[in-house]
Protein backbone atom coordinates (compact mmCIF):
# COMPACT_ATOMS: atom_id res chain seq x y z
CA MET A 1 68.71 32.29 41.53
CA GLY A 2 69.42 29.77 44.10
CA LYS A 3 68.28 32.10 46.85
CA ILE A 4 64.95 32.09 45.32
CA VAL A 5 64.51 28.70 43.87
CA VAL A 6 65.61 26.57 46.99
CA PRO A 7 63.49 28.52 49.48
CA GLY A 8 60.52 28.36 46.96
CA LEU A 9 60.81 24.73 46.63
CA LEU A 10 61.17 24.39 50.37
CA TRP A 11 58.04 26.45 51.00
CA PHE A 12 56.09 24.59 48.23
CA SER A 13 57.14 21.24 49.55
CA ALA A 14 56.53 21.94 53.12
CA ILE A 15 52.92 23.27 52.42
CA GLY A 16 52.21 20.61 49.73
CA CYS A 17 53.55 17.70 51.82
CA GLY A 18 51.27 19.09 54.72
CA LEU A 19 48.23 19.17 52.49
CA ILE A 20 48.76 15.58 51.24
CA ALA A 21 49.37 14.49 54.69
CA GLY A 22 46.01 16.01 55.78
CA LEU A 23 44.23 14.25 53.10
CA TYR A 24 45.69 10.98 54.06
CA PHE A 25 45.01 11.74 57.62
CA ALA A 26 41.46 12.18 56.72
CA PHE A 27 41.20 8.85 55.18
CA SER A 28 42.93 7.15 57.94
CA THR A 29 40.91 8.72 60.70
CA PHE A 30 37.29 8.87 59.38
CA ILE A 31 36.74 8.46 55.62
CA LEU A 32 37.48 4.81 55.44
CA GLN A 33 35.56 3.98 58.58
CA ALA A 34 32.54 5.95 57.15
CA LEU A 35 32.78 4.17 53.80
CA ASN A 36 33.02 0.68 55.63
CA GLN A 37 29.55 1.51 57.40
CA LEU A 38 27.92 1.60 54.10
CA GLY A 39 28.73 -2.07 53.57
CA PRO A 40 30.97 -3.65 51.06
CA ALA A 41 29.12 -2.96 47.84
CA PRO A 42 28.34 0.58 48.38
CA ALA A 43 31.81 1.18 50.04
CA ALA A 44 33.61 -0.20 46.90
CA GLN A 45 31.36 1.92 44.66
CA ALA A 46 32.07 4.90 46.64
CA MET A 47 35.85 4.29 46.80
CA ASN A 48 35.96 3.57 43.02
CA ALA A 49 34.22 7.01 42.37
CA ILE A 50 36.83 8.77 44.78
CA ASN A 51 39.61 7.08 42.90
CA ALA A 52 38.33 8.00 39.55
CA ARG A 53 37.86 11.61 40.56
CA ILE A 54 40.92 12.16 42.33
CA LEU A 55 42.79 11.48 39.06
CA GLN A 56 40.96 14.57 37.57
CA SER A 57 41.27 17.01 40.45
CA LEU A 58 43.79 19.52 41.79
CA PHE A 59 45.26 16.78 43.95
CA MET A 60 47.18 15.32 40.91
CA PRO A 61 49.39 18.36 40.19
CA LEU A 62 50.01 18.70 43.88
CA PHE A 63 50.78 14.89 44.26
CA LEU A 64 53.21 15.16 41.32
CA GLY A 65 54.60 18.61 41.97
CA THR A 66 55.49 17.68 45.60
CA THR A 67 57.14 14.71 44.52
CA LEU A 68 59.34 16.44 41.98
CA ALA A 69 60.08 19.25 44.38
CA GLY A 70 60.93 16.81 47.13
CA LEU A 71 63.34 14.97 44.76
CA ALA A 72 64.97 18.14 43.68
CA LEU A 73 65.53 19.22 47.24
CA ALA A 74 66.97 15.71 48.10
CA VAL A 75 69.55 16.19 45.30
CA ILE A 76 70.23 19.81 46.43
CA GLY A 77 70.70 18.61 49.93
CA ALA A 78 73.03 15.68 48.85
CA VAL A 79 75.01 17.95 46.58
CA ASN A 80 75.38 20.78 49.27
CA ARG A 81 75.72 18.70 52.36
CA ASP A 82 77.63 21.44 54.17
CA GLU A 83 74.93 24.12 53.86
CA ALA A 84 72.48 24.69 56.56
CA GLY A 85 69.27 22.55 56.20
CA ALA A 86 70.87 20.11 53.67
CA THR A 87 70.34 17.07 55.74
CA ALA A 88 66.70 17.93 56.37
CA MET A 89 66.28 18.56 52.67
CA LEU A 90 67.85 15.22 51.78
CA SER A 91 65.78 13.33 54.42
CA GLY A 92 62.56 15.02 53.66
CA GLY A 93 62.92 14.42 49.97
CA ALA A 94 63.89 10.78 50.39
CA ILE A 95 61.24 9.96 52.94
CA TYR A 96 58.58 11.63 50.87
CA ALA A 97 59.50 9.97 47.53
CA ILE A 98 59.86 6.45 49.15
CA GLY A 99 57.17 6.76 51.85
CA MET A 100 54.61 8.63 49.88
CA PHE A 101 55.09 8.24 46.19
CA GLY A 102 56.78 4.76 46.13
CA VAL A 103 54.14 3.31 48.63
CA THR A 104 51.33 4.76 46.46
CA MET A 105 52.70 3.32 43.29
CA ALA A 106 53.59 0.02 44.81
CA PHE A 107 50.58 -0.71 47.07
CA ASN A 108 47.68 1.64 46.90
CA VAL A 109 47.36 1.99 43.14
CA PRO A 110 47.43 -1.80 42.55
CA LEU A 111 44.91 -2.19 45.34
CA ASN A 112 42.69 0.61 43.69
CA ASN A 113 43.06 -1.11 40.29
CA ALA A 114 41.93 -4.54 41.95
CA LEU A 115 39.00 -2.79 43.57
CA THR A 116 37.84 -1.57 40.13
CA ARG A 117 37.61 -5.32 38.99
CA GLU A 118 36.52 -7.10 42.07
CA ALA A 119 34.45 -4.35 43.90
CA ALA A 120 32.48 -5.83 46.96
CA ALA A 121 34.20 -9.09 47.08
CA LEU A 122 37.53 -7.50 47.65
CA TRP A 123 36.43 -4.70 50.00
CA PRO A 124 37.33 -6.13 53.51
CA HIS A 125 40.87 -7.27 52.20
CA TYR A 126 41.09 -3.92 50.41
CA LEU A 127 40.11 -1.86 53.44
CA ARG A 128 42.78 -3.47 55.75
CA ARG A 129 45.68 -3.39 53.25
CA TRP A 130 44.83 0.13 51.78
CA ALA A 131 44.47 1.59 55.15
CA LEU A 132 47.75 0.31 56.37
CA TRP A 133 49.68 1.74 53.41
CA ASN A 134 47.70 4.92 53.85
CA HIS A 135 48.89 5.37 57.37
CA VAL A 136 52.51 4.84 56.01
CA ARG A 137 51.96 7.59 53.42
CA MET A 138 50.28 9.91 55.92
CA LEU A 139 53.22 9.59 58.34
CA ALA A 140 55.96 9.83 55.60
CA SER A 141 54.14 13.06 54.25
CA ALA A 142 53.90 14.71 57.71
CA ILE A 143 57.47 13.86 58.51
CA ALA A 144 58.67 15.20 55.15
CA SER A 145 56.70 18.40 55.65
CA ALA A 146 58.26 18.86 59.19
CA LEU A 147 61.69 18.24 57.80
CA PHE A 148 61.23 20.83 55.03
CA ILE A 149 60.10 23.26 57.80
CA LEU A 150 63.17 22.47 59.65
CA ALA A 151 65.28 23.26 56.53
CA ILE A 152 63.63 26.57 56.22
CA ALA A 153 64.32 27.48 59.75
CA ALA A 154 67.92 26.29 59.41
CA ARG A 155 68.57 28.59 56.33
């Protein structure tokens, strides 16, 4: 069973983390700048619409699924330290859980909630802070994806 489960988790996590990194990359490189060109009120309104819609999209199962799979791989890597790819699994899972999921819950979600309440008045502060933490999530997701690919190659 482990010969199927672990490779399946690795492939799912490598691809899923890559997809998540791509979404965050899009926000970091052009979506936020495009929203900002609209002006504070329309930008806040558009971002609030994105935040509401993303919770009802296929993003959520991917977001939660990759987090759980990454955590499982971190545990598997920690328990089986002597196996090929174990360090990459442990590191990838930990980086993803902390750098993507933890950052999202600690910083991006509270900023999204504040934007819902304060909208245009908060936009300039929101844009700077949300973008910073989005860059962290993007890098953590990309690094985790690369580490899971390394674990696949090592096995």
